Amino acid sequence: MGKYIFLFLSLISFTLANTLDKIRKTHELVIGVKYDAPPFGFLDVDGKVKGFDVDLSKYVADYIRKKTGFNFKVRFAQVTSKTRIPLLVNGNVDLVAATMTAKVSRDETIDFSIIYFVDGAKLLVRKNSNIKGVEDLVGKRVAVVQGATTGEKLKKVQPKVRLVYFQEYPQAFLALKQRKVDAVATDSSILAGLKASARHPERYKIVGKAFSYEPYGMGIRENDSDFRDLVNWALMDAIRNGNYFKIYNKWFGPQSKYHIPLTPEVKIFLKMQCFPE
């Protein structure tokens, strides 16, 4: 059955492959972002979607306008870890910028841009918790989000953990607040956003060494090399001219409540992906 589902999704993706033609005809680029994952994508007090993924995908859209001459608007649509790939494949969104780890199993269904962010999964616990890392999770209840890869990776390093699944990150964090789980596990940058969003962030802490490697790529429909090239060139352009690092500093710099320093190794990695002009 899984084989036939994969073939069906691939067929849909093929028929929708020409994203640039779709943009030209509809005058719209629909970008799937998360609404529940600050600082990558979230709704502000006015109900407007903001975040690192939002700003970076706006840069991509501006680059596509300049290169193609197309006059189109950008519309952001909400996706979750569970819905982002199906919504891309069936054509509800044209591009996904939603904390999505590029991995082989996903690449069988969609294509990815170059890597634009590198993270690793850690644990968010209450301040008085004795949990210091995955070694302390034997028999513990840990909240993870459906559709993310965190649960399966955590099970590999700690088979005796008890996973509790939630639809969205705020629900997982609420369970931690209400002591229904002992920890929340996901990428450290998302944990930093959850902690910063709390009324009393000092009551929580991020612990442990990263137990996974999470390279984020933007999701693109399969077999659409023209559109994928433009997305990649836009990201390379932003990295080369420094605009990527301005956007990064806005959301993760020292003045941000989500402060995550960009390591020299990651900065070199990002630059080494860029083709010469």
C-alpha atoms as a PDB file:
ATOM      1  CA  MET A   1       0.000   0.000   0.000  1.00  0.00           C
ATOM      2  CA  GLY A   2       2.825   2.404   0.895  1.00  0.00           C
ATOM      3  CA  LYS A   3       4.338   1.901  -2.559  1.00  0.00           C
ATOM      4  CA  TYR A   4       1.087   2.888  -4.274  1.00  0.00           C
ATOM      5  CA  ILE A   5       0.636   5.952  -2.068  1.00  0.00           C
ATOM      6  CA  PHE A   6       4.171   7.072  -2.959  1.00  0.00           C
ATOM      7  CA  LEU A   7       3.457   6.593  -6.692  1.00  0.00           C
ATOM      8  CA  PHE A   8       0.186   8.527  -6.363  1.00  0.00           C
ATOM      9  CA  LEU A   9       1.883  11.442  -4.601  1.00  0.00           C
ATOM     10  CA  SER A  10       4.657  11.412  -7.187  1.00  0.00           C
ATOM     11  CA  LEU A  11       2.090  11.587 -10.006  1.00  0.00           C
ATOM     12  CA  ILE A  12       0.353  14.563  -8.394  1.00  0.00           C
ATOM     13  CA  SER A  13       3.702  16.267  -7.888  1.00  0.00           C
ATOM     14  CA  PHE A  14       4.617  15.718 -11.545  1.00  0.00           C
ATOM     15  CA  THR A  15       1.404  17.311 -12.811  1.00  0.00           C
ATOM     16  CA  LEU A  16       2.017  20.353 -10.609  1.00  0.00           C
ATOM     17  CA  ALA A  17       5.747  20.505 -11.264  1.00  0.00           C
ATOM     18  CA  ASN A  18       5.943  23.783 -13.165  1.00  0.00           C
ATOM     19  CA  THR A  19       5.651  26.194 -10.266  1.00  0.00           C
ATOM     20  CA  LEU A  20       6.892  29.184 -12.261  1.00  0.00           C
ATOM     21  CA  ASP A  21       4.110  28.706 -14.809  1.00  0.00           C
ATOM     22  CA  LYS A  22       1.596  28.500 -11.956  1.00  0.00           C
ATOM     23  CA  ILE A  23       2.949  31.737 -10.446  1.00  0.00           C
ATOM     24  CA  ARG A  24       2.811  33.473 -13.831  1.00  0.00           C
ATOM     25  CA  LYS A  25      -0.830  32.494 -14.330  1.00  0.00           C
ATOM     26  CA  THR A  26      -2.117  33.110 -10.799  1.00  0.00           C
ATOM     27  CA  HIS A  27       0.110  36.103  -9.912  1.00  0.00           C
ATOM     28  CA  GLU A  28       0.645  34.496  -6.521  1.00  0.00           C
ATOM     29  CA  LEU A  29       3.352  32.544  -4.696  1.00  0.00           C
ATOM     30  CA  VAL A  30       1.983  30.574  -1.749  1.00  0.00           C
ATOM     31  CA  ILE A  31       4.578  29.854   0.930  1.00  0.00           C
ATOM     32  CA  GLY A  32       3.908  27.379   3.716  1.00  0.00           C
ATOM     33  CA  VAL A  33       5.256  28.489   7.092  1.00  0.00           C
ATOM     34  CA  LYS A  34       4.594  27.507  10.679  1.00  0.00           C
ATOM     35  CA  TYR A  35       2.444  29.713  12.886  1.00  0.00           C
ATOM     36  CA  ASP A  36       3.490  27.990  16.123  1.00  0.00           C
ATOM     37  CA  ALA A  37       7.300  27.968  15.993  1.00  0.00           C
ATOM     38  CA  PRO A  38       8.863  31.271  17.077  1.00  0.00           C
ATOM     39  CA  PRO A  39      11.238  32.668  15.974  1.00  0.00           C
ATOM     40  CA  PHE A  40      10.877  30.827  12.629  1.00  0.00           C
ATOM     41  CA  GLY A  41       7.180  31.432  12.072  1.00  0.00           C
ATOM     42  CA  PHE A  42       4.531  32.809  14.421  1.00  0.00           C
ATOM     43  CA  LEU A  43       1.631  35.238  14.627  1.00  0.00           C
ATOM     44  CA  ASP A  44       2.237  38.600  16.299  1.00  0.00           C
ATOM     45  CA  VAL A  45      -0.319  40.477  18.394  1.00  0.00           C
ATOM     46  CA  ASP A  46      -1.850  41.908  15.208  1.00  0.00           C
ATOM     47  CA  GLY A  47      -2.302  38.471  13.692  1.00  0.00           C
ATOM     48  CA  LYS A  48       0.478  38.929  11.126  1.00  0.00           C
ATOM     49  CA  VAL A  49       2.884  36.091  10.475  1.00  0.00           C
ATOM     50  CA  LYS A  50       6.519  36.877  11.271  1.00  0.00           C
ATOM     51  CA  GLY A  51       9.806  35.092  11.800  1.00  0.00           C
ATOM     52  CA  PHE A  52      13.117  33.979  10.360  1.00  0.00           C
ATOM     53  CA  ASP A  53      11.569  31.609   7.808  1.00  0.00           C
ATOM     54  CA  VAL A  54       9.110  34.329   6.819  1.00  0.00           C
ATOM     55  CA  ASP A  55      11.775  36.984   6.223  1.00  0.00           C
ATOM     56  CA  LEU A  56      14.087  34.614   4.362  1.00  0.00           C
ATOM     57  CA  SER A  57      11.304  33.372   2.088  1.00  0.00           C
ATOM     58  CA  LYS A  58      10.326  36.996   1.359  1.00  0.00           C
ATOM     59  CA  TYR A  59      13.891  37.528   0.156  1.00  0.00           C
ATOM     60  CA  VAL A  60      13.534  34.464  -2.070  1.00  0.00           C
ATOM     61  CA  ALA A  61      10.288  35.844  -3.507  1.00  0.00           C
ATOM     62  CA  ASP A  62      11.884  39.236  -4.236  1.00  0.00           C
ATOM     63  CA  TYR A  63      14.767  37.501  -6.005  1.00  0.00           C
ATOM     64  CA  ILE A  64      12.349  35.477  -8.157  1.00  0.00           C
ATOM     65  CA  ARG A  65      10.503  38.669  -9.125  1.00  0.00           C
ATOM     66  CA  LYS A  66      13.746  40.301 -10.247  1.00  0.00           C
ATOM     67  CA  LYS A  67      14.942  37.275 -12.213  1.00  0.00           C
ATOM     68  CA  THR A  68      11.647  36.452 -13.933  1.00  0.00           C
ATOM     69  CA  GLY A  69       9.992  39.856 -14.205  1.00  0.00           C
ATOM     70  CA  PHE A  70       6.777  38.284 -12.905  1.00  0.00           C
ATOM     71  CA  ASN A  71       4.387  40.514 -10.980  1.00  0.00           C
ATOM     72  CA  PHE A  72       3.018  38.414  -8.133  1.00  0.00           C
ATOM     73  CA  LYS A  73       2.072  38.676  -4.488  1.00  0.00           C
ATOM     74  CA  VAL A  74       3.212  36.415  -1.679  1.00  0.00           C
ATOM     75  CA  ARG A  75       0.625  34.657   0.440  1.00  0.00           C
ATOM     76  CA  PHE A  76       1.664  32.807   3.569  1.00  0.00           C
ATOM     77  CA  ALA A  77      -0.280  29.690   4.499  1.00  0.00           C
ATOM     78  CA  GLN A  78      -0.099  27.800   7.768  1.00  0.00           C
ATOM     79  CA  VAL A  79       1.540  24.388   7.782  1.00  0.00           C
ATOM     80  CA  THR A  80       2.534  22.040  10.575  1.00  0.00           C
ATOM     81  CA  SER A  81       5.172  19.339  10.760  1.00  0.00           C
ATOM     82  CA  LYS A  82       2.479  16.836   9.783  1.00  0.00           C
ATOM     83  CA  THR A  83       0.849  18.787   6.917  1.00  0.00           C
ATOM     84  CA  ARG A  84       3.745  20.608   5.225  1.00  0.00           C
ATOM     85  CA  ILE A  85       4.701  17.856   2.752  1.00  0.00           C
ATOM     86  CA  PRO A  86       1.129  16.848   1.741  1.00  0.00           C
ATOM     87  CA  LEU A  87       0.165  20.505   1.226  1.00  0.00           C
ATOM     88  CA  LEU A  88       3.216  21.020  -0.980  1.00  0.00           C
ATOM     89  CA  VAL A  89       2.673  17.866  -3.025  1.00  0.00           C
ATOM     90  CA  ASN A  90      -1.021  18.536  -3.680  1.00  0.00           C
ATOM     91  CA  GLY A  91      -0.405  22.144  -4.715  1.00  0.00           C
ATOM     92  CA  ASN A  92      -1.910  24.033  -1.785  1.00  0.00           C
ATOM     93  CA  VAL A  93       1.469  25.687  -1.230  1.00  0.00           C
ATOM     94  CA  ASP A  94       4.309  26.262  -3.702  1.00  0.00           C
ATOM     95  CA  LEU A  95       7.243  26.496  -1.316  1.00  0.00           C
ATOM     96  CA  VAL A  96       7.716  25.317   2.265  1.00  0.00           C
ATOM     97  CA  ALA A  97       9.905  27.245   4.716  1.00  0.00           C
ATOM     98  CA  ALA A  98       8.996  25.552   7.965  1.00  0.00           C
ATOM     99  CA  THR A  99      11.905  24.215  10.045  1.00  0.00           C
ATOM    100  CA  MET A 100      12.009  21.138   7.818  1.00  0.00           C
ATOM    101  CA  THR A 101      14.970  18.810   8.101  1.00  0.00           C
ATOM    102  CA  ALA A 102      16.268  17.674   4.722  1.00  0.00           C
ATOM    103  CA  LYS A 103      16.472  13.881   4.808  1.00  0.00           C
ATOM    104  CA  VAL A 104      16.551  11.065   2.268  1.00  0.00           C
ATOM    105  CA  SER A 105      13.116   9.653   3.113  1.00  0.00           C
ATOM    106  CA  ARG A 106      11.510  13.052   2.488  1.00  0.00           C
ATOM    107  CA  ASP A 107      13.576  13.626  -0.641  1.00  0.00           C
ATOM    108  CA  GLU A 108      11.807  10.626  -2.183  1.00  0.00           C
ATOM    109  CA  THR A 109       8.595  12.679  -2.234  1.00  0.00           C
ATOM    110  CA  ILE A 110       9.765  16.294  -2.557  1.00  0.00           C
ATOM    111  CA  ASP A 111      12.937  18.192  -3.409  1.00  0.00           C
ATOM    112  CA  PHE A 112      14.944  20.421  -1.100  1.00  0.00           C
ATOM    113  CA  SER A 113      16.818  23.668  -1.503  1.00  0.00           C
ATOM    114  CA  ILE A 114      20.351  24.054  -0.230  1.00  0.00           C
ATOM    115  CA  ILE A 115      20.628  23.991   3.559  1.00  0.00           C
ATOM    116  CA  TYR A 116      19.781  27.357   5.123  1.00  0.00           C
ATOM    117  CA  PHE A 117      19.873  26.535   8.851  1.00  0.00           C
ATOM    118  CA  VAL A 118      21.579  23.884  10.967  1.00  0.00           C
ATOM    119  CA  ASP A 119      20.243  22.736  14.320  1.00  0.00           C
ATOM    120  CA  GLY A 120      20.103  19.765  16.679  1.00  0.00           C
ATOM    121  CA  ALA A 121      17.437  18.384  18.996  1.00  0.00           C
ATOM    122  CA  LYS A 122      17.642  18.939  22.759  1.00  0.00           C
ATOM    123  CA  LEU A 123      15.278  18.887  25.747  1.00  0.00           C
ATOM    124  CA  LEU A 124      13.181  21.591  27.411  1.00  0.00           C
ATOM    125  CA  VAL A 125      12.405  20.861  31.071  1.00  0.00           C
ATOM    126  CA  ARG A 126      11.144  22.640  34.165  1.00  0.00           C
ATOM    127  CA  LYS A 127      13.775  24.580  36.117  1.00  0.00           C
ATOM    128  CA  ASN A 128      13.748  22.173  39.070  1.00  0.00           C
ATOM    129  CA  SER A 129      13.961  19.058  36.897  1.00  0.00           C
ATOM    130  CA  ASN A 130      16.729  16.517  37.479  1.00  0.00           C
ATOM    131  CA  ILE A 131      16.816  15.688  33.772  1.00  0.00           C
ATOM    132  CA  LYS A 132      20.167  16.717  32.309  1.00  0.00           C
ATOM    133  CA  GLY A 133      20.163  14.742  29.070  1.00  0.00           C
ATOM    134  CA  VAL A 134      18.755  11.762  27.207  1.00  0.00           C
ATOM    135  CA  GLU A 135      20.399   9.368  29.672  1.00  0.00           C
ATOM    136  CA  ASP A 136      17.918  10.585  32.317  1.00  0.00           C
ATOM    137  CA  LEU A 137      14.808   9.841  30.237  1.00  0.00           C
ATOM    138  CA  VAL A 138      14.296   6.203  31.242  1.00  0.00           C
ATOM    139  CA  GLY A 139      10.558   5.862  31.868  1.00  0.00           C
ATOM    140  CA  LYS A 140      10.032   9.615  31.444  1.00  0.00           C
ATOM    141  CA  ARG A 141       7.208  11.132  29.403  1.00  0.00           C
ATOM    142  CA  VAL A 142       8.554  13.332  26.630  1.00  0.00           C
ATOM    143  CA  ALA A 143       6.381  15.476  24.363  1.00  0.00           C
ATOM    144  CA  VAL A 144       7.127  15.442  20.636  1.00  0.00           C
ATOM    145  CA  VAL A 145       5.227  16.808  17.638  1.00  0.00           C
ATOM    146  CA  GLN A 146       3.603  14.625  14.989  1.00  0.00           C
ATOM    147  CA  GLY A 147       5.328  14.737  11.617  1.00  0.00           C
ATOM    148  CA  ALA A 148       8.689  15.777  13.060  1.00  0.00           C
ATOM    149  CA  THR A 149      11.646  13.395  13.135  1.00  0.00           C
ATOM    150  CA  THR A 150      12.465  14.020  16.800  1.00  0.00           C
ATOM    151  CA  GLY A 151      10.533  11.092  18.240  1.00  0.00           C
ATOM    152  CA  GLU A 152      12.195   8.407  16.149  1.00  0.00           C
ATOM    153  CA  LYS A 153      15.654   9.899  16.746  1.00  0.00           C
ATOM    154  CA  LEU A 154      15.071  10.112  20.493  1.00  0.00           C
ATOM    155  CA  LYS A 155      13.937   6.468  20.569  1.00  0.00           C
ATOM    156  CA  LYS A 156      17.197   5.440  18.916  1.00  0.00           C
ATOM    157  CA  VAL A 157      19.351   7.051  21.593  1.00  0.00           C
ATOM    158  CA  GLN A 158      16.996   6.291  24.509  1.00  0.00           C
ATOM    159  CA  PRO A 159      14.714   3.299  23.777  1.00  0.00           C
ATOM    160  CA  LYS A 160      13.136   3.426  27.250  1.00  0.00           C
ATOM    161  CA  VAL A 161      11.630   6.897  26.842  1.00  0.00           C
ATOM    162  CA  ARG A 162       7.823   7.267  26.759  1.00  0.00           C
ATOM    163  CA  LEU A 163       6.857   9.472  23.821  1.00  0.00           C
ATOM    164  CA  VAL A 164       3.689  11.582  23.989  1.00  0.00           C
ATOM    165  CA  TYR A 165       2.607  13.030  20.632  1.00  0.00           C
ATOM    166  CA  PHE A 166       0.994  16.426  20.034  1.00  0.00           C
ATOM    167  CA  GLN A 167      -0.222  18.238  16.925  1.00  0.00           C
ATOM    168  CA  GLU A 168       1.615  21.510  17.586  1.00  0.00           C
ATOM    169  CA  TYR A 169       4.439  22.876  19.741  1.00  0.00           C
ATOM    170  CA  PRO A 170       2.287  25.095  22.009  1.00  0.00           C
ATOM    171  CA  GLN A 171       0.264  22.012  22.993  1.00  0.00           C
ATOM    172  CA  ALA A 172       3.453  20.140  23.853  1.00  0.00           C
ATOM    173  CA  PHE A 173       4.743  23.078  25.900  1.00  0.00           C
ATOM    174  CA  LEU A 174       1.404  23.406  27.702  1.00  0.00           C
ATOM    175  CA  ALA A 175       1.668  19.756  28.717  1.00  0.00           C
ATOM    176  CA  LEU A 176       5.068  20.518  30.246  1.00  0.00           C
ATOM    177  CA  LYS A 177       3.640  23.500  32.114  1.00  0.00           C
ATOM    178  CA  GLN A 178       0.794  21.344  33.434  1.00  0.00           C
ATOM    179  CA  ARG A 179       3.239  18.582  34.453  1.00  0.00           C
ATOM    180  CA  LYS A 180       1.623  16.076  32.106  1.00  0.00           C
ATOM    181  CA  VAL A 181       5.040  15.403  30.561  1.00  0.00           C
ATOM    182  CA  ASP A 182       8.557  15.611  31.941  1.00  0.00           C
ATOM    183  CA  ALA A 183      10.184  17.256  28.923  1.00  0.00           C
ATOM    184  CA  VAL A 184       9.638  18.573  25.410  1.00  0.00           C
ATOM    185  CA  ALA A 185      12.018  17.361  22.719  1.00  0.00           C
ATOM    186  CA  THR A 186      12.655  19.161  19.438  1.00  0.00           C
ATOM    187  CA  ASP A 187      15.251  21.342  17.726  1.00  0.00           C
ATOM    188  CA  SER A 188      17.045  23.635  20.166  1.00  0.00           C
ATOM    189  CA  SER A 189      16.088  26.809  18.288  1.00  0.00           C
ATOM    190  CA  ILE A 190      12.397  25.914  18.517  1.00  0.00           C
ATOM    191  CA  LEU A 191      12.814  25.152  22.224  1.00  0.00           C
ATOM    192  CA  ALA A 192      14.399  28.584  22.669  1.00  0.00           C
ATOM    193  CA  GLY A 193      11.345  30.115  21.026  1.00  0.00           C
ATOM    194  CA  LEU A 194       8.937  28.196  23.248  1.00  0.00           C
ATOM    195  CA  LYS A 195      10.844  29.182  26.370  1.00  0.00           C
ATOM    196  CA  ALA A 196      10.972  32.851  25.337  1.00  0.00           C
ATOM    197  CA  SER A 197       7.220  32.849  24.687  1.00  0.00           C
ATOM    198  CA  ALA A 198       6.422  31.787  28.262  1.00  0.00           C
ATOM    199  CA  ARG A 199       5.130  34.310  30.785  1.00  0.00           C
ATOM    200  CA  HIS A 200       7.887  33.132  33.125  1.00  0.00           C
ATOM    201  CA  PRO A 201      10.728  31.832  30.931  1.00  0.00           C
ATOM    202  CA  GLU A 202      12.999  31.565  33.959  1.00  0.00           C
ATOM    203  CA  ARG A 203      10.964  28.562  35.076  1.00  0.00           C
ATOM    204  CA  TYR A 204      12.300  26.447  32.206  1.00  0.00           C
ATOM    205  CA  LYS A 205      15.693  25.391  30.887  1.00  0.00           C
ATOM    206  CA  ILE A 206      17.131  23.715  27.795  1.00  0.00           C
ATOM    207  CA  VAL A 207      19.373  20.793  28.692  1.00  0.00           C
ATOM    208  CA  GLY A 208      21.607  18.111  27.254  1.00  0.00           C
ATOM    209  CA  LYS A 209      23.799  17.694  24.232  1.00  0.00           C
ATOM    210  CA  ALA A 210      22.176  17.663  20.805  1.00  0.00           C
ATOM    211  CA  PHE A 211      21.098  14.105  20.003  1.00  0.00           C
ATOM    212  CA  SER A 212      20.402  14.720  16.314  1.00  0.00           C
ATOM    213  CA  TYR A 213      21.603  16.666  13.265  1.00  0.00           C
ATOM    214  CA  GLU A 214      18.884  18.840  11.722  1.00  0.00           C
ATOM    215  CA  PRO A 215      19.838  20.607   8.462  1.00  0.00           C
ATOM    216  CA  TYR A 216      16.878  22.723   7.291  1.00  0.00           C
ATOM    217  CA  GLY A 217      16.002  23.051   3.621  1.00  0.00           C
ATOM    218  CA  MET A 218      13.090  24.726   1.867  1.00  0.00           C
ATOM    219  CA  GLY A 219      10.654  22.235   0.364  1.00  0.00           C
ATOM    220  CA  ILE A 220       9.969  22.273  -3.376  1.00  0.00           C
ATOM    221  CA  ARG A 221       7.840  19.945  -5.503  1.00  0.00           C
ATOM    222  CA  GLU A 222       9.657  17.120  -7.267  1.00  0.00           C
ATOM    223  CA  ASN A 223      10.886  17.484 -10.851  1.00  0.00           C
ATOM    224  CA  ASP A 224      10.799  21.286 -10.918  1.00  0.00           C
ATOM    225  CA  SER A 225      14.431  22.186 -11.517  1.00  0.00           C
ATOM    226  CA  ASP A 226      13.742  25.692 -12.867  1.00  0.00           C
ATOM    227  CA  PHE A 227      11.974  26.767  -9.687  1.00  0.00           C
ATOM    228  CA  ARG A 228      14.434  24.933  -7.456  1.00  0.00           C
ATOM    229  CA  ASP A 229      17.325  26.698  -9.203  1.00  0.00           C
ATOM    230  CA  LEU A 230      15.777  30.102  -8.500  1.00  0.00           C
ATOM    231  CA  VAL A 231      15.179  29.271  -4.845  1.00  0.00           C
ATOM    232  CA  ASN A 232      18.756  28.043  -4.491  1.00  0.00           C
ATOM    233  CA  TRP A 233      20.206  31.048  -6.302  1.00  0.00           C
ATOM    234  CA  ALA A 234      18.169  33.353  -4.051  1.00  0.00           C
ATOM    235  CA  LEU A 235      19.522  31.697  -0.903  1.00  0.00           C
ATOM    236  CA  MET A 236      23.070  31.761  -2.289  1.00  0.00           C
ATOM    237  CA  ASP A 237      22.645  35.431  -3.158  1.00  0.00           C
ATOM    238  CA  ALA A 238      21.473  36.225   0.375  1.00  0.00           C
ATOM    239  CA  ILE A 239      24.436  34.365   1.879  1.00  0.00           C
ATOM    240  CA  ARG A 240      26.984  35.961  -0.477  1.00  0.00           C
ATOM    241  CA  ASN A 241      25.780  39.551  -0.069  1.00  0.00           C
ATOM    242  CA  GLY A 242      25.264  39.312   3.695  1.00  0.00           C
ATOM    243  CA  ASN A 243      21.484  39.708   3.767  1.00  0.00           C
ATOM    244  CA  TYR A 244      21.111  36.193   5.153  1.00  0.00           C
ATOM    245  CA  PHE A 245      23.249  37.136   8.148  1.00  0.00           C
ATOM    246  CA  LYS A 246      21.270  40.345   8.694  1.00  0.00           C
ATOM    247  CA  ILE A 247      18.071  38.309   8.841  1.00  0.00           C
ATOM    248  CA  TYR A 248      19.751  35.768  11.126  1.00  0.00           C
ATOM    249  CA  ASN A 249      20.969  38.511  13.458  1.00  0.00           C
ATOM    250  CA  LYS A 250      17.481  40.037  13.591  1.00  0.00           C
ATOM    251  CA  TRP A 251      15.997  36.820  14.978  1.00  0.00           C
ATOM    252  CA  PHE A 252      18.936  35.080  16.661  1.00  0.00           C
ATOM    253  CA  GLY A 253      21.439  37.850  17.394  1.00  0.00           C
ATOM    254  CA  PRO A 254      22.567  39.158  20.814  1.00  0.00           C
ATOM    255  CA  GLN A 255      19.697  41.659  20.983  1.00  0.00           C
ATOM    256  CA  SER A 256      17.077  38.987  20.310  1.00  0.00           C
ATOM    257  CA  LYS A 257      15.296  37.065  23.045  1.00  0.00           C
ATOM    258  CA  TYR A 258      15.974  33.940  20.970  1.00  0.00           C
ATOM    259  CA  HIS A 259      19.748  34.429  20.983  1.00  0.00           C
ATOM    260  CA  ILE A 260      21.542  31.536  19.259  1.00  0.00           C
ATOM    261  CA  PRO A 261      25.101  32.401  18.150  1.00  0.00           C
ATOM    262  CA  LEU A 262      26.013  31.415  14.601  1.00  0.00           C
ATOM    263  CA  THR A 263      29.084  29.222  14.924  1.00  0.00           C
ATOM    264  CA  PRO A 264      32.062  29.747  12.594  1.00  0.00           C
ATOM    265  CA  GLU A 265      31.651  26.170  11.347  1.00  0.00           C
ATOM    266  CA  VAL A 266      28.033  26.708  10.287  1.00  0.00           C
ATOM    267  CA  LYS A 267      28.887  30.039   8.667  1.00  0.00           C
ATOM    268  CA  ILE A 268      31.620  28.368   6.602  1.00  0.00           C
ATOM    269  CA  PHE A 269      29.246  25.533   5.693  1.00  0.00           C
ATOM    270  CA  LEU A 270      26.610  27.982   4.450  1.00  0.00           C
ATOM    271  CA  LYS A 271      29.130  29.867   2.329  1.00  0.00           C
ATOM    272  CA  MET A 272      30.629  26.695   0.851  1.00  0.00           C
ATOM    273  CA  GLN A 273      27.246  25.783  -0.640  1.00  0.00           C
ATOM    274  CA  CYS A 274      27.252  28.919  -2.784  1.00  0.00           C
ATOM    275  CA  PHE A 275      28.192  28.633  -6.450  1.00  0.00           C
ATOM    276  CA  PRO A 276      30.502  31.298  -7.907  1.00  0.00           C
ATOM    277  CA  GLU A 277      28.565  33.935  -9.830  1.00  0.00           C
END
